[in-house]
Amino acid sequence: MKSPCILVCSIDPTSGLCFGCGRTREEIAGWIAMSDEERGAIMDALPERLETMEHKPRRETRRSRLARTRAQEQ
């Protein structure tokens, strides 16, 4: 199952979106139960959501560091 999660897992209090993937808490919680079409529609919207976010996490977490390292290795 595809997932946009990059292991940042920090919710922006202003927008309610995850700093890492751009999903809402509800989307994250219901991800497994969604159909492939529902997940695909959300994933298509994520790049635009992430572009509109004003803030970034204040510090790099262990998870975000691991995600960055994994992305660089690909």
PDB file of N, CA and C in Angstrom:
ATOM      1  N   MET A   1       0.841  -1.171   0.000  1.00  0.00           N
ATOM      2  CA  MET A   1       0.000   0.000   0.000  1.00  0.00           C
ATOM      3  C   MET A   1       0.891   1.240   0.000  1.00  0.00           C
ATOM      4  N   LYS A   2       0.625   2.144  -0.919  1.00  0.00           N
ATOM      5  CA  LYS A   2       1.388   3.385  -0.973  1.00  0.00           C
ATOM      6  C   LYS A   2       1.014   4.283   0.190  1.00  0.00           C
ATOM      7  N   SER A   3       2.012   5.007   0.666  1.00  0.00           N
ATOM      8  CA  SER A   3       1.788   5.975   1.735  1.00  0.00           C
ATOM      9  C   SER A   3       2.730   7.155   1.520  1.00  0.00           C
ATOM     10  N   PRO A   4       2.242   8.372   1.747  1.00  0.00           N
ATOM     11  CA  PRO A   4       3.102   9.545   1.599  1.00  0.00           C
ATOM     12  C   PRO A   4       3.932   9.840   2.844  1.00  0.00           C
ATOM     13  N   CYS A   5       3.801   9.024   3.862  1.00  0.00           N
ATOM     14  CA  CYS A   5       4.485   9.260   5.128  1.00  0.00           C
ATOM     15  C   CYS A   5       6.005   9.269   4.938  1.00  0.00           C
ATOM     16  N   ILE A   6       6.646  10.311   5.491  1.00  0.00           N
ATOM     17  CA  ILE A   6       8.112  10.382   5.463  1.00  0.00           C
ATOM     18  C   ILE A   6       8.671  10.379   6.878  1.00  0.00           C
ATOM     19  N   LEU A   7       7.853   9.956   7.830  1.00  0.00           N
ATOM     20  CA  LEU A   7       8.246   9.796   9.229  1.00  0.00           C
ATOM     21  C   LEU A   7       8.573  11.106   9.934  1.00  0.00           C
ATOM     22  N   VAL A   8       7.959  12.203   9.507  1.00  0.00           N
ATOM     23  CA  VAL A   8       8.112  13.457  10.230  1.00  0.00           C
ATOM     24  C   VAL A   8       7.045  13.545  11.311  1.00  0.00           C
ATOM     25  N   CYS A   9       5.808  13.239  10.984  1.00  0.00           N
ATOM     26  CA  CYS A   9       4.716  13.067  11.944  1.00  0.00           C
ATOM     27  C   CYS A   9       4.599  14.200  12.955  1.00  0.00           C
ATOM     28  N   SER A  10       4.414  15.391  12.445  1.00  0.00           N
ATOM     29  CA  SER A  10       4.219  16.568  13.284  1.00  0.00           C
ATOM     30  C   SER A  10       3.118  17.399  12.638  1.00  0.00           C
ATOM     31  N   ILE A  11       2.054  17.684  13.400  1.00  0.00           N
ATOM     32  CA  ILE A  11       0.907  18.392  12.854  1.00  0.00           C
ATOM     33  C   ILE A  11       1.051  19.899  13.068  1.00  0.00           C
ATOM     34  N   ASP A  12       0.852  20.650  12.001  1.00  0.00           N
ATOM     35  CA  ASP A  12       0.859  22.106  12.060  1.00  0.00           C
ATOM     36  C   ASP A  12      -0.417  22.561  12.755  1.00  0.00           C
ATOM     37  N   PRO A  13      -0.309  23.277  13.879  1.00  0.00           N
ATOM     38  CA  PRO A  13      -1.510  23.675  14.612  1.00  0.00           C
ATOM     39  C   PRO A  13      -2.399  24.653  13.840  1.00  0.00           C
ATOM     40  N   THR A  14      -1.839  25.391  12.906  1.00  0.00           N
ATOM     41  CA  THR A  14      -2.611  26.361  12.138  1.00  0.00           C
ATOM     42  C   THR A  14      -3.454  25.694  11.053  1.00  0.00           C
ATOM     43  N   SER A  15      -2.814  24.871  10.244  1.00  0.00           N
ATOM     44  CA  SER A  15      -3.519  24.257   9.111  1.00  0.00           C
ATOM     45  C   SER A  15      -4.131  22.903   9.453  1.00  0.00           C
ATOM     46  N   GLY A  16      -3.594  22.244  10.478  1.00  0.00           N
ATOM     47  CA  GLY A  16      -4.058  20.896  10.806  1.00  0.00           C
ATOM     48  C   GLY A  16      -3.461  19.830   9.918  1.00  0.00           C
ATOM     49  N   LEU A  17      -2.449  20.189   9.143  1.00  0.00           N
ATOM     50  CA  LEU A  17      -1.799  19.249   8.230  1.00  0.00           C
ATOM     51  C   LEU A  17      -0.466  18.779   8.803  1.00  0.00           C
ATOM     52  N   CYS A  18      -0.094  17.569   8.462  1.00  0.00           N
ATOM     53  CA  CYS A  18       1.192  17.024   8.867  1.00  0.00           C
ATOM     54  C   CYS A  18       2.296  17.739   8.093  1.00  0.00           C
ATOM     55  N   PHE A  19       3.330  18.180   8.797  1.00  0.00           N
ATOM     56  CA  PHE A  19       4.452  18.836   8.140  1.00  0.00           C
ATOM     57  C   PHE A  19       5.156  17.915   7.147  1.00  0.00           C
ATOM     58  N   GLY A  20       5.154  16.631   7.430  1.00  0.00           N
ATOM     59  CA  GLY A  20       5.878  15.690   6.583  1.00  0.00           C
ATOM     60  C   GLY A  20       5.141  15.304   5.318  1.00  0.00           C
ATOM     61  N   CYS A  21       3.876  14.925   5.457  1.00  0.00           N
ATOM     62  CA  CYS A  21       3.149  14.382   4.299  1.00  0.00           C
ATOM     63  C   CYS A  21       2.026  15.271   3.808  1.00  0.00           C
ATOM     64  N   GLY A  22       1.534  16.171   4.637  1.00  0.00           N
ATOM     65  CA  GLY A  22       0.460  17.063   4.218  1.00  0.00           C
ATOM     66  C   GLY A  22      -0.943  16.549   4.475  1.00  0.00           C
ATOM     67  N   ARG A  23      -1.051  15.371   5.087  1.00  0.00           N
ATOM     68  CA  ARG A  23      -2.387  14.826   5.375  1.00  0.00           C
ATOM     69  C   ARG A  23      -2.935  15.396   6.678  1.00  0.00           C
ATOM     70  N   THR A  24      -4.271  15.327   6.815  1.00  0.00           N
ATOM     71  CA  THR A  24      -4.918  15.708   8.072  1.00  0.00           C
ATOM     72  C   THR A  24      -4.831  14.529   9.029  1.00  0.00           C
ATOM     73  N   ARG A  25      -5.133  14.777  10.305  1.00  0.00           N
ATOM     74  CA  ARG A  25      -5.157  13.689  11.287  1.00  0.00           C
ATOM     75  C   ARG A  25      -6.163  12.611  10.880  1.00  0.00           C
ATOM     76  N   GLU A  26      -7.314  13.049  10.393  1.00  0.00           N
ATOM     77  CA  GLU A  26      -8.357  12.108   9.999  1.00  0.00           C
ATOM     78  C   GLU A  26      -7.897  11.226   8.826  1.00  0.00           C
ATOM     79  N   GLU A  27      -7.207  11.839   7.879  1.00  0.00           N
ATOM     80  CA  GLU A  27      -6.700  11.069   6.737  1.00  0.00           C
ATOM     81  C   GLU A  27      -5.635  10.069   7.179  1.00  0.00           C
ATOM     82  N   ILE A  28      -4.779  10.488   8.082  1.00  0.00           N
ATOM     83  CA  ILE A  28      -3.740   9.586   8.592  1.00  0.00           C
ATOM     84  C   ILE A  28      -4.381   8.414   9.322  1.00  0.00           C
ATOM     85  N   ALA A  29      -5.342   8.721  10.192  1.00  0.00           N
ATOM     86  CA  ALA A  29      -5.986   7.678  10.993  1.00  0.00           C
ATOM     87  C   ALA A  29      -6.783   6.700  10.129  1.00  0.00           C
ATOM     88  N   GLY A  30      -7.384   7.189   9.063  1.00  0.00           N
ATOM     89  CA  GLY A  30      -8.224   6.331   8.238  1.00  0.00           C
ATOM     90  C   GLY A  30      -7.547   5.757   7.008  1.00  0.00           C
ATOM     91  N   TRP A  31      -6.261   5.978   6.865  1.00  0.00           N
ATOM     92  CA  TRP A  31      -5.534   5.610   5.649  1.00  0.00           C
ATOM     93  C   TRP A  31      -5.708   4.141   5.277  1.00  0.00           C
ATOM     94  N   ILE A  32      -5.563   3.258   6.213  1.00  0.00           N
ATOM     95  CA  ILE A  32      -5.625   1.821   5.922  1.00  0.00           C
ATOM     96  C   ILE A  32      -7.012   1.408   5.436  1.00  0.00           C
ATOM     97  N   ALA A  33      -8.043   2.047   5.951  1.00  0.00           N
ATOM     98  CA  ALA A  33      -9.416   1.678   5.595  1.00  0.00           C
ATOM     99  C   ALA A  33      -9.875   2.287   4.273  1.00  0.00           C
ATOM    100  N   MET A  34      -9.122   3.217   3.723  1.00  0.00           N
ATOM    101  CA  MET A  34      -9.517   3.887   2.474  1.00  0.00           C
ATOM    102  C   MET A  34      -9.281   2.986   1.271  1.00  0.00           C
ATOM    103  N   SER A  35     -10.043   3.258   0.225  1.00  0.00           N
ATOM    104  CA  SER A  35      -9.846   2.542  -1.038  1.00  0.00           C
ATOM    105  C   SER A  35      -8.610   3.104  -1.744  1.00  0.00           C
ATOM    106  N   ASP A  36      -8.113   2.369  -2.729  1.00  0.00           N
ATOM    107  CA  ASP A  36      -6.970   2.859  -3.502  1.00  0.00           C
ATOM    108  C   ASP A  36      -7.297   4.189  -4.172  1.00  0.00           C
ATOM    109  N   GLU A  37      -8.537   4.342  -4.621  1.00  0.00           N
ATOM    110  CA  GLU A  37      -8.957   5.580  -5.284  1.00  0.00           C
ATOM    111  C   GLU A  37      -8.955   6.753  -4.304  1.00  0.00           C
ATOM    112  N   GLU A  38      -9.447   6.528  -3.099  1.00  0.00           N
ATOM    113  CA  GLU A  38      -9.447   7.589  -2.087  1.00  0.00           C
ATOM    114  C   GLU A  38      -8.024   7.998  -1.728  1.00  0.00           C
ATOM    115  N   ARG A  39      -7.155   7.015  -1.518  1.00  0.00           N
ATOM    116  CA  ARG A  39      -5.759   7.327  -1.194  1.00  0.00           C
ATOM    117  C   ARG A  39      -5.087   8.059  -2.349  1.00  0.00           C
ATOM    118  N   GLY A  40      -5.376   7.629  -3.568  1.00  0.00           N
ATOM    119  CA  GLY A  40      -4.791   8.278  -4.745  1.00  0.00           C
ATOM    120  C   GLY A  40      -5.210   9.728  -4.871  1.00  0.00           C
ATOM    121  N   ALA A  41      -6.479  10.011  -4.616  1.00  0.00           N
ATOM    122  CA  ALA A  41      -6.979  11.387  -4.694  1.00  0.00           C
ATOM    123  C   ALA A  41      -6.295  12.266  -3.650  1.00  0.00           C
ATOM    124  N   ILE A  42      -6.116  11.743  -2.460  1.00  0.00           N
ATOM    125  CA  ILE A  42      -5.434  12.507  -1.408  1.00  0.00           C
ATOM    126  C   ILE A  42      -3.977  12.730  -1.789  1.00  0.00           C
ATOM    127  N   MET A  43      -3.307  11.688  -2.265  1.00  0.00           N
ATOM    128  CA  MET A  43      -1.895  11.824  -2.631  1.00  0.00           C
ATOM    129  C   MET A  43      -1.708  12.840  -3.752  1.00  0.00           C
ATOM    130  N   ASP A  44      -2.674  12.916  -4.676  1.00  0.00           N
ATOM    131  CA  ASP A  44      -2.591  13.906  -5.750  1.00  0.00           C
ATOM    132  C   ASP A  44      -2.668  15.331  -5.211  1.00  0.00           C
ATOM    133  N   ALA A  45      -3.385  15.528  -4.110  1.00  0.00           N
ATOM    134  CA  ALA A  45      -3.565  16.859  -3.530  1.00  0.00           C
ATOM    135  C   ALA A  45      -2.418  17.280  -2.612  1.00  0.00           C
ATOM    136  N   LEU A  46      -1.603  16.346  -2.179  1.00  0.00           N
ATOM    137  CA  LEU A  46      -0.589  16.650  -1.165  1.00  0.00           C
ATOM    138  C   LEU A  46       0.473  17.659  -1.591  1.00  0.00           C
ATOM    139  N   PRO A  47       1.027  17.595  -2.789  1.00  0.00           N
ATOM    140  CA  PRO A  47       2.059  18.590  -3.140  1.00  0.00           C
ATOM    141  C   PRO A  47       1.560  20.027  -3.010  1.00  0.00           C
ATOM    142  N   GLU A  48       0.333  20.273  -3.458  1.00  0.00           N
ATOM    143  CA  GLU A  48      -0.227  21.623  -3.358  1.00  0.00           C
ATOM    144  C   GLU A  48      -0.444  22.012  -1.895  1.00  0.00           C
ATOM    145  N   ARG A  49      -0.920  21.082  -1.096  1.00  0.00           N
ATOM    146  CA  ARG A  49      -1.107  21.355   0.336  1.00  0.00           C
ATOM    147  C   ARG A  49       0.209  21.746   0.993  1.00  0.00           C
ATOM    148  N   LEU A  50       1.254  20.981   0.718  1.00  0.00           N
ATOM    149  CA  LEU A  50       2.550  21.247   1.342  1.00  0.00           C
ATOM    150  C   LEU A  50       3.108  22.606   0.926  1.00  0.00           C
ATOM    151  N   GLU A  51       2.822  23.016  -0.305  1.00  0.00           N
ATOM    152  CA  GLU A  51       3.295  24.321  -0.780  1.00  0.00           C
ATOM    153  C   GLU A  51       2.621  25.465  -0.043  1.00  0.00           C
ATOM    154  N   THR A  52       1.400  25.261   0.425  1.00  0.00           N
ATOM    155  CA  THR A  52       0.659  26.342   1.078  1.00  0.00           C
ATOM    156  C   THR A  52       0.979  26.476   2.559  1.00  0.00           C
ATOM    157  N   MET A  53       1.685  25.523   3.125  1.00  0.00           N
ATOM    158  CA  MET A  53       1.990  25.582   4.557  1.00  0.00           C
ATOM    159  C   MET A  53       3.004  26.681   4.835  1.00  0.00           C
ATOM    160  N   GLU A  54       2.738  27.470   5.858  1.00  0.00           N
ATOM    161  CA  GLU A  54       3.589  28.610   6.188  1.00  0.00           C
ATOM    162  C   GLU A  54       4.753  28.243   7.089  1.00  0.00           C
ATOM    163  N   HIS A  55       4.572  27.254   7.928  1.00  0.00           N
ATOM    164  CA  HIS A  55       5.592  26.914   8.913  1.00  0.00           C
ATOM    165  C   HIS A  55       6.199  25.558   8.627  1.00  0.00           C
ATOM    166  N   LYS A  56       7.361  25.374   9.126  1.00  0.00           N
ATOM    167  CA  LYS A  56       8.046  24.084   9.073  1.00  0.00           C
ATOM    168  C   LYS A  56       8.344  23.666  10.510  1.00  0.00           C
ATOM    169  N   PRO A  57       8.560  22.391  10.751  1.00  0.00           N
ATOM    170  CA  PRO A  57       8.910  21.970  12.118  1.00  0.00           C
ATOM    171  C   PRO A  57      10.142  22.727  12.604  1.00  0.00           C
ATOM    172  N   ARG A  58      10.188  23.002  13.885  1.00  0.00           N
ATOM    173  CA  ARG A  58      11.291  23.777  14.447  1.00  0.00           C
ATOM    174  C   ARG A  58      12.601  23.021  14.502  1.00  0.00           C
ATOM    175  N   ARG A  59      12.527  21.731  14.658  1.00  0.00           N
ATOM    176  CA  ARG A  59      13.775  20.971  14.774  1.00  0.00           C
ATOM    177  C   ARG A  59      13.659  19.689  13.965  1.00  0.00           C
ATOM    178  N   GLU A  60      14.792  19.160  13.633  1.00  0.00           N
ATOM    179  CA  GLU A  60      14.805  17.897  12.920  1.00  0.00           C
ATOM    180  C   GLU A  60      14.699  16.771  13.947  1.00  0.00           C
ATOM    181  N   THR A  61      13.696  15.958  13.781  1.00  0.00           N
ATOM    182  CA  THR A  61      13.514  14.829  14.678  1.00  0.00           C
ATOM    183  C   THR A  61      14.309  13.636  14.175  1.00  0.00           C
ATOM    184  N   ARG A  62      14.412  12.639  15.019  1.00  0.00           N
ATOM    185  CA  ARG A  62      15.099  11.408  14.618  1.00  0.00           C
ATOM    186  C   ARG A  62      14.411  10.809  13.396  1.00  0.00           C
ATOM    187  N   ARG A  63      13.085  10.842  13.404  1.00  0.00           N
ATOM    188  CA  ARG A  63      12.333  10.304  12.265  1.00  0.00           C
ATOM    189  C   ARG A  63      12.587  11.097  10.986  1.00  0.00           C
ATOM    190  N   SER A  64      12.594  12.413  11.094  1.00  0.00           N
ATOM    191  CA  SER A  64      12.816  13.214   9.889  1.00  0.00           C
ATOM    192  C   SER A  64      14.234  13.032   9.370  1.00  0.00           C
ATOM    193  N   ARG A  65      15.190  12.884  10.272  1.00  0.00           N
ATOM    194  CA  ARG A  65      16.577  12.640   9.872  1.00  0.00           C
ATOM    195  C   ARG A  65      16.690  11.310   9.138  1.00  0.00           C
ATOM    196  N   LEU A  66      16.014  10.272   9.656  1.00  0.00           N
ATOM    197  CA  LEU A  66      16.003   8.962   9.011  1.00  0.00           C
ATOM    198  C   LEU A  66      15.348   9.047   7.631  1.00  0.00           C
ATOM    199  N   ALA A  67      14.226   9.760   7.545  1.00  0.00           N
ATOM    200  CA  ALA A  67      13.532   9.921   6.261  1.00  0.00           C
ATOM    201  C   ALA A  67      14.428  10.648   5.250  1.00  0.00           C
ATOM    202  N   ARG A  68      15.122  11.696   5.705  1.00  0.00           N
ATOM    203  CA  ARG A  68      16.018  12.443   4.816  1.00  0.00           C
ATOM    204  C   ARG A  68      17.146  11.554   4.329  1.00  0.00           C
ATOM    205  N   THR A  69      17.711  10.778   5.213  1.00  0.00           N
ATOM    206  CA  THR A  69      18.790   9.868   4.855  1.00  0.00           C
ATOM    207  C   THR A  69      18.319   8.842   3.835  1.00  0.00           C
ATOM    208  N   ARG A  70      17.144   8.289   4.069  1.00  0.00           N
ATOM    209  CA  ARG A  70      16.580   7.313   3.127  1.00  0.00           C
ATOM    210  C   ARG A  70      16.344   7.929   1.762  1.00  0.00           C
ATOM    211  N   ALA A  71      15.839   9.155   1.742  1.00  0.00           N
ATOM    212  CA  ALA A  71      15.561   9.844   0.470  1.00  0.00           C
ATOM    213  C   ALA A  71      16.857  10.114  -0.282  1.00  0.00           C
ATOM    214  N   GLN A  72      17.916  10.458   0.428  1.00  0.00           N
ATOM    215  CA  GLN A  72      19.197  10.727  -0.213  1.00  0.00           C
ATOM    216  C   GLN A  72      19.820   9.460  -0.788  1.00  0.00           C
ATOM    217  N   GLU A  73      19.528   8.332  -0.167  1.00  0.00           N
ATOM    218  CA  GLU A  73      20.096   7.057  -0.641  1.00  0.00           C
ATOM    219  C   GLU A  73      19.401   6.555  -1.895  1.00  0.00           C
ATOM    220  N   GLN A  74      18.202   7.061  -2.158  1.00  0.00           N
ATOM    221  CA  GLN A  74      17.456   6.601  -3.344  1.00  0.00           C
ATOM    222  C   GLN A  74      17.873   7.271  -4.571  1.00  0.00           C
TER     223      GLN A  74
END
